[in-house]
Amino acid sequence: MTGLLVLAGTPIGEIADAPPRLATELAAADVIAAEDTRRLRRLTQALEVQPSGRVVSYFEGNEAARTPELADALAGGARVLLVTDAGMPSVSDPGYRLVAAAVERGIKVTAVPGPSAVLTALAVSGLPVDRFCFEGFLPRKGGERRTRLREVEGERRTLVYFEAPHRLDDTLAAMAEIFGADRRAAVCRELTKTYEEVKRGPLGELVPWAAEGVRGEITIVVEGAPESGPQDLDADELVRRVQVREEAGERRKEAIAAVAADAGLPKREVFDAVVAAKNAAKGSAKGAPKDPARD
C-alpha cells in the first residue's frame, strides 16, 4: 500500500484565509514536511490543531537531501503533508523535487487549494488576466536580470514576478529600460496583511517611488507587450535579440524563429540578418592587421 502526498496551501497573510481542510490535514498527517518548523508551530497554534505525526524541516538547503527520505516514507504507506511559509508549495517554494519523486514512484499527489500571491496580485492589479505567465524571482545580478527580461520583452501575456524589497527599485528600473517606461505595472506589497498596498502606474513612475524604500513581501504584475504589426527593427537589433536568446540557451534556429515571431517578421529576414552579421565578423577578423609583437 502506497501513501499519499498532500500539498497544502497556507495563508499569505491573514490567518483566517486558511482553507478549512488545512487543520484536518495537519492533524491527520503521518509526516509534516515544513519549510520553517517555527512558522508551522505558530500556524498550528492559530488554527488550534495538534499534529500527531512527525514534523521535519524541508527547505531550500536540505530539499535535495531530504526528498529520498520522504519518498521512501510515501512508498511505505505514509501520508505526507507538505507546507511552506506562505502560499502553495512548489510555486517558487520547496516542493517540486518531492512531487517529481512521488510521481516517478506512482504515488498519488493531491492538494489542499489555498491562497496564492500570484493569483491574488493578478486579480487586484487591474491588468489583463485572461492570459498570463509566472516568471518567479529574477536573477540577483544586474546583467543576468536584464538578459532574462529581454527574453520576454515581446511577451504579450501579463507577466508576474516575485521580488525582494531591497532589489525592487533596480528591478523596476531594468523593466522600464527593456519593456519601456510607459508599460503599465502594479507592485503588490504585503497582500492580505495589515499594511497591504497596491501601487499602480507606468514603470517609469514606479521606479522613483520604489527608490524611496519599500518593505514586505513583493509581487510585481507587468502588462504584456502591445499587439502590433511588424516592428521597425534594423538588422543589428534583430541580431542582438537572437544573440540574447542564444546566450540564454536556445538553439539558433529556435532563437531566430522566436525573434521573428515577436517582431512580426518573416523568419527568412531574421536569418539573413544573422548570416550577414556572421559573414561581416569573419571578414573583419580576416582583414585585421597582424600583431607586430607576434612576428
Protein backbone atom coordinates (compact mmCIF):
# COMPACT_ATOMS: atom_id res chain seq x y z
CA MET A 1 0.00 0.00 0.00
CA THR A 2 1.46 3.35 -1.04
CA GLY A 3 0.97 6.60 0.78
CA LEU A 4 -0.35 9.99 -0.24
CA LEU A 5 1.45 13.29 -0.77
CA VAL A 6 -0.67 16.32 0.12
CA LEU A 7 0.46 19.82 -0.88
CA ALA A 8 -1.26 22.31 1.39
CA GLY A 9 -1.69 25.99 0.71
CA THR A 10 -1.10 28.22 3.73
CA PRO A 11 -2.18 31.85 4.31
CA ILE A 12 -0.06 34.53 2.62
CA GLY A 13 -1.10 36.97 5.34
CA GLU A 14 -4.48 36.83 7.00
CA ILE A 15 -4.71 33.61 9.06
CA ALA A 16 -8.48 33.49 8.52
CA ASP A 17 -7.77 32.73 4.85
CA ALA A 18 -6.52 29.24 5.77
CA PRO A 19 -8.54 26.64 3.86
CA PRO A 20 -10.85 24.62 6.17
CA ARG A 21 -9.20 21.33 5.19
CA LEU A 22 -5.79 22.54 6.34
CA ALA A 23 -6.45 21.87 10.03
CA THR A 24 -7.79 18.40 9.22
CA GLU A 25 -4.73 17.51 7.16
CA LEU A 26 -2.33 18.86 9.79
CA ALA A 27 -3.95 16.60 12.39
CA ALA A 28 -4.08 13.51 10.16
CA ALA A 29 -0.64 13.52 8.53
CA ASP A 30 1.91 10.87 9.43
CA VAL A 31 4.69 13.25 8.41
CA ILE A 32 4.58 17.03 8.06
CA ALA A 33 7.37 18.50 5.94
CA ALA A 34 7.58 22.21 6.72
CA GLU A 35 9.72 24.94 5.17
CA ASP A 36 10.05 26.52 8.63
CA THR A 37 9.07 24.43 11.66
CA ARG A 38 8.75 27.54 13.84
CA ARG A 39 6.21 29.07 11.46
CA LEU A 40 4.41 25.74 11.37
CA ARG A 41 4.16 25.85 15.16
CA ARG A 42 2.61 29.31 15.05
CA LEU A 43 0.21 28.17 12.33
CA THR A 44 -0.99 25.12 14.26
CA GLN A 45 -1.46 27.22 17.39
CA ALA A 46 -3.52 29.77 15.48
CA LEU A 47 -5.66 27.00 14.00
CA GLU A 48 -5.89 25.26 17.38
CA VAL A 49 -4.76 21.94 15.99
CA GLN A 50 -2.30 19.43 17.46
CA PRO A 51 -0.36 17.45 14.84
CA SER A 52 0.02 13.78 15.67
CA GLY A 53 2.64 12.98 13.04
CA ARG A 54 6.37 13.57 12.84
CA VAL A 55 7.48 17.07 11.85
CA VAL A 56 10.58 17.53 9.69
CA SER A 57 12.12 20.59 8.05
CA TYR A 58 12.06 20.79 4.26
CA PHE A 59 13.62 23.93 2.86
CA GLU A 60 15.93 25.00 0.05
CA GLY A 61 19.07 23.97 1.92
CA ASN A 62 18.04 20.37 2.59
CA GLU A 63 15.38 19.75 -0.09
CA ALA A 64 17.59 17.61 -2.32
CA ALA A 65 18.91 15.50 0.58
CA ARG A 66 15.56 15.01 2.35
CA THR A 67 13.47 14.18 -0.73
CA PRO A 68 14.55 10.49 -0.91
CA GLU A 69 13.69 10.03 2.77
CA LEU A 70 10.20 11.45 2.29
CA ALA A 71 9.72 9.48 -0.93
CA ASP A 72 10.59 6.30 0.97
CA ALA A 73 8.04 7.19 3.65
CA LEU A 74 5.41 7.65 0.95
CA ALA A 75 6.33 4.34 -0.64
CA GLY A 76 5.89 2.75 2.80
CA GLY A 77 2.32 3.99 3.08
CA ALA A 78 2.75 7.30 4.93
CA ARG A 79 0.50 10.29 4.45
CA VAL A 80 2.93 13.18 3.96
CA LEU A 81 1.77 16.79 4.21
CA LEU A 82 3.97 19.49 2.65
CA VAL A 83 3.57 23.10 3.78
CA THR A 84 5.69 26.15 3.02
CA ASP A 85 5.86 29.53 4.75
CA ALA A 86 3.06 31.03 2.66
CA GLY A 87 1.05 30.09 -0.41
CA MET A 88 1.26 26.88 -2.42
CA PRO A 89 4.26 24.55 -2.22
CA SER A 90 6.28 24.21 -5.46
CA VAL A 91 5.42 27.75 -6.60
CA SER A 92 8.82 29.42 -6.02
CA ASP A 93 8.96 27.34 -2.84
CA PRO A 94 10.21 23.83 -1.98
CA GLY A 95 8.09 21.01 -3.32
CA TYR A 96 8.91 20.30 -6.96
CA ARG A 97 11.54 17.65 -6.19
CA LEU A 98 9.21 15.74 -3.87
CA VAL A 99 6.31 15.89 -6.30
CA ALA A 100 8.54 14.61 -9.11
CA ALA A 101 9.85 11.79 -6.89
CA ALA A 102 6.33 10.78 -5.88
CA VAL A 103 5.09 10.79 -9.47
CA GLU A 104 8.06 8.70 -10.55
CA ARG A 105 7.15 6.06 -7.96
CA GLY A 106 3.49 6.07 -8.90
CA ILE A 107 2.39 7.69 -5.64
CA LYS A 108 -0.74 9.81 -5.65
CA VAL A 109 -0.28 13.55 -5.22
CA THR A 110 -3.13 15.84 -4.24
CA ALA A 111 -3.51 19.35 -2.86
CA VAL A 112 -5.42 21.44 -0.38
CA PRO A 113 -6.03 24.54 -2.52
CA GLY A 114 -5.15 27.72 -0.72
CA PRO A 115 -4.08 31.35 -1.06
CA SER A 116 -1.65 32.28 -3.81
CA ALA A 117 0.23 35.57 -4.08
CA VAL A 118 0.40 35.08 -7.87
CA LEU A 119 -3.36 34.88 -8.40
CA THR A 120 -4.17 37.45 -5.72
CA ALA A 121 -1.80 40.01 -7.28
CA LEU A 122 -3.21 39.34 -10.74
CA ALA A 123 -6.76 39.80 -9.52
CA VAL A 124 -6.12 43.18 -7.86
CA SER A 125 -3.61 44.54 -10.39
CA GLY A 126 -6.15 46.00 -12.80
CA LEU A 127 -4.19 44.50 -15.70
CA PRO A 128 -5.45 41.87 -18.20
CA VAL A 129 -5.69 38.43 -16.59
CA ASP A 130 -7.09 36.32 -19.41
CA ARG A 131 -3.55 35.19 -20.31
CA PHE A 132 -0.53 35.42 -18.03
CA CYS A 133 2.79 33.77 -17.24
CA PHE A 134 4.60 33.49 -13.91
CA GLU A 135 8.33 34.23 -14.04
CA GLY A 136 9.19 33.75 -10.34
CA PHE A 137 12.25 35.57 -8.99
CA LEU A 138 14.63 37.30 -11.40
CA PRO A 139 18.42 36.74 -11.10
CA ARG A 140 20.13 38.91 -8.49
CA LYS A 141 22.95 40.09 -10.77
CA GLY A 142 22.08 43.05 -12.96
CA GLY A 143 23.40 41.64 -16.23
CA GLU A 144 21.64 38.31 -15.79
CA ARG A 145 18.47 40.12 -14.75
CA ARG A 146 18.43 42.22 -17.93
CA THR A 147 19.12 39.14 -20.07
CA ARG A 148 16.14 37.36 -18.54
CA LEU A 149 13.91 40.37 -19.09
CA ARG A 150 14.99 40.70 -22.73
CA GLU A 151 13.85 37.12 -23.28
CA VAL A 152 10.25 38.21 -22.64
CA GLU A 153 10.27 41.81 -23.90
CA GLY A 154 7.89 40.82 -26.70
CA GLU A 155 5.70 38.59 -24.50
CA ARG A 156 2.06 39.64 -24.93
CA ARG A 157 0.76 37.87 -21.84
CA THR A 158 0.69 39.65 -18.48
CA LEU A 159 3.87 38.89 -16.53
CA VAL A 160 4.07 38.12 -12.80
CA TYR A 161 7.25 38.25 -10.73
CA PHE A 162 8.29 37.85 -7.10
CA GLU A 163 10.97 40.22 -5.84
CA ALA A 164 12.83 41.08 -2.65
CA PRO A 165 12.10 44.61 -1.37
CA HIS A 166 15.76 45.71 -1.41
CA ARG A 167 16.04 44.87 -5.13
CA LEU A 168 12.69 46.31 -6.18
CA ASP A 169 13.96 49.67 -7.48
CA ASP A 170 16.74 48.05 -9.55
CA THR A 171 14.30 45.54 -10.99
CA LEU A 172 11.71 48.17 -11.91
CA ALA A 173 14.45 50.32 -13.49
CA ALA A 174 15.58 47.35 -15.62
CA MET A 175 11.97 46.66 -16.61
CA ALA A 176 11.46 50.31 -17.59
CA GLU A 177 14.63 50.18 -19.68
CA ILE A 178 13.73 46.98 -21.52
CA PHE A 179 9.91 46.97 -21.60
CA GLY A 180 9.56 50.74 -21.91
CA ALA A 181 8.87 53.38 -19.26
CA ASP A 182 5.21 53.61 -20.36
CA ARG A 183 4.45 49.91 -19.82
CA ARG A 184 1.79 49.59 -17.10
CA ALA A 185 2.54 47.63 -13.92
CA ALA A 186 1.33 47.04 -10.38
CA VAL A 187 3.54 46.45 -7.35
CA CYS A 188 1.58 44.45 -4.77
CA ARG A 189 3.02 44.63 -1.26
CA GLU A 190 2.03 42.67 1.87
CA LEU A 191 -1.06 41.16 0.24
CA THR A 192 -3.90 40.43 2.70
CA LYS A 193 -1.81 41.77 5.59
CA THR A 194 -2.38 44.85 7.74
CA TYR A 195 -0.26 47.15 5.59
CA GLU A 196 -1.36 45.83 2.20
CA GLU A 197 -0.59 48.23 -0.64
CA VAL A 198 -1.03 48.06 -4.41
CA LYS A 199 0.89 50.73 -6.31
CA ARG A 200 -0.18 51.03 -9.93
CA GLY A 201 1.27 53.06 -12.77
CA PRO A 202 3.75 53.14 -15.66
CA LEU A 203 7.09 51.51 -14.88
CA GLY A 204 8.85 54.85 -15.26
CA GLU A 205 6.75 56.33 -12.45
CA LEU A 206 7.13 53.33 -10.16
CA VAL A 207 10.95 53.50 -10.18
CA PRO A 208 11.33 56.70 -8.10
CA TRP A 209 8.60 55.53 -5.73
CA ALA A 210 10.45 52.25 -5.08
CA ALA A 211 13.77 54.11 -4.68
CA GLU A 212 12.37 55.74 -1.53
CA GLY A 213 12.34 52.32 0.13
CA VAL A 214 9.71 49.58 0.22
CA ARG A 215 9.27 46.81 2.77
CA GLY A 216 7.45 43.50 2.88
CA GLU A 217 6.60 40.67 0.51
CA ILE A 218 6.52 41.92 -3.09
CA THR A 219 4.71 40.68 -6.20
CA ILE A 220 5.08 42.61 -9.46
CA VAL A 221 2.50 42.39 -12.24
CA VAL A 222 3.51 43.84 -15.62
CA GLU A 223 1.33 44.43 -18.67
CA GLY A 224 2.23 42.33 -21.70
CA ALA A 225 3.72 43.80 -24.85
CA PRO A 226 1.15 45.51 -27.09
CA GLU A 227 -0.04 43.65 -30.14
CA SER A 228 1.10 45.39 -33.27
CA GLY A 229 2.16 44.86 -36.84
CA PRO A 230 5.75 44.23 -37.92
CA GLN A 231 8.22 46.15 -35.77
CA ASP A 232 10.60 48.59 -37.38
CA LEU A 233 13.82 46.92 -36.24
CA ASP A 234 17.13 47.24 -38.02
CA ALA A 235 19.36 44.24 -38.77
CA ASP A 236 21.66 44.96 -35.81
CA GLU A 237 18.76 44.84 -33.35
CA LEU A 238 17.46 41.58 -34.83
CA VAL A 239 20.93 40.04 -34.49
CA ARG A 240 21.21 41.30 -30.91
CA ARG A 241 17.89 39.72 -29.94
CA VAL A 242 18.94 36.39 -31.44
CA GLN A 243 22.25 36.54 -29.56
CA VAL A 244 20.46 37.21 -26.26
CA ARG A 245 18.32 34.12 -26.73
CA GLU A 246 21.32 32.01 -27.73
CA GLU A 247 23.19 33.13 -24.64
CA ALA A 248 20.18 32.04 -22.61
CA GLY A 249 20.50 28.51 -24.02
CA GLU A 250 18.26 28.46 -27.09
CA ARG A 251 19.45 26.91 -30.33
CA ARG A 252 19.99 29.42 -33.13
CA LYS A 253 17.13 28.07 -35.23
CA GLU A 254 14.71 28.40 -32.30
CA ALA A 255 16.06 31.85 -31.41
CA ILE A 256 15.57 33.11 -34.97
CA ALA A 257 12.01 31.79 -35.06
CA ALA A 258 11.17 33.39 -31.71
CA VAL A 259 12.64 36.78 -32.66
CA ALA A 260 10.79 36.72 -35.99
CA ALA A 261 7.50 35.90 -34.24
CA ASP A 262 7.98 38.66 -31.65
CA ALA A 263 8.85 41.22 -34.32
CA GLY A 264 6.11 40.13 -36.72
CA LEU A 265 8.67 39.47 -39.44
CA PRO A 266 9.36 36.52 -41.77
CA LYS A 267 11.93 34.10 -40.35
CA ARG A 268 13.98 34.49 -43.53
CA GLU A 269 14.53 38.19 -42.83
CA VAL A 270 15.96 37.46 -39.36
CA PHE A 271 18.01 34.55 -40.71
CA ASP A 272 19.54 36.74 -43.41
CA ALA A 273 20.48 39.38 -40.84
CA VAL A 274 22.21 36.78 -38.65
CA VAL A 275 24.12 35.30 -41.60
CA ALA A 276 25.18 38.75 -42.82
CA ALA A 277 26.46 39.66 -39.36
CA LYS A 278 28.36 36.38 -39.13
CA ASN A 279 29.99 36.91 -42.55
CA ALA A 280 30.87 40.50 -41.65
CA ALA A 281 32.54 39.33 -38.45
CA LYS A 282 34.57 36.73 -40.38
CA GLY A 283 35.65 39.30 -42.95
CA SER A 284 36.69 41.73 -40.22
CA ALA A 285 38.76 39.09 -38.47
CA LYS A 286 40.42 38.01 -41.73
CA GLY A 287 41.33 41.56 -42.66
CA ALA A 288 42.61 42.55 -39.23
CA PRO A 289 46.28 43.72 -39.16
CA LYS A 290 48.82 41.36 -37.69
CA ASP A 291 50.11 41.96 -34.21
CA PRO A 292 53.77 43.07 -34.58
CA ALA A 293 54.56 41.51 -31.22
CA ARG A 294 53.88 38.07 -32.71
CA ASP A 295 56.28 38.49 -35.67
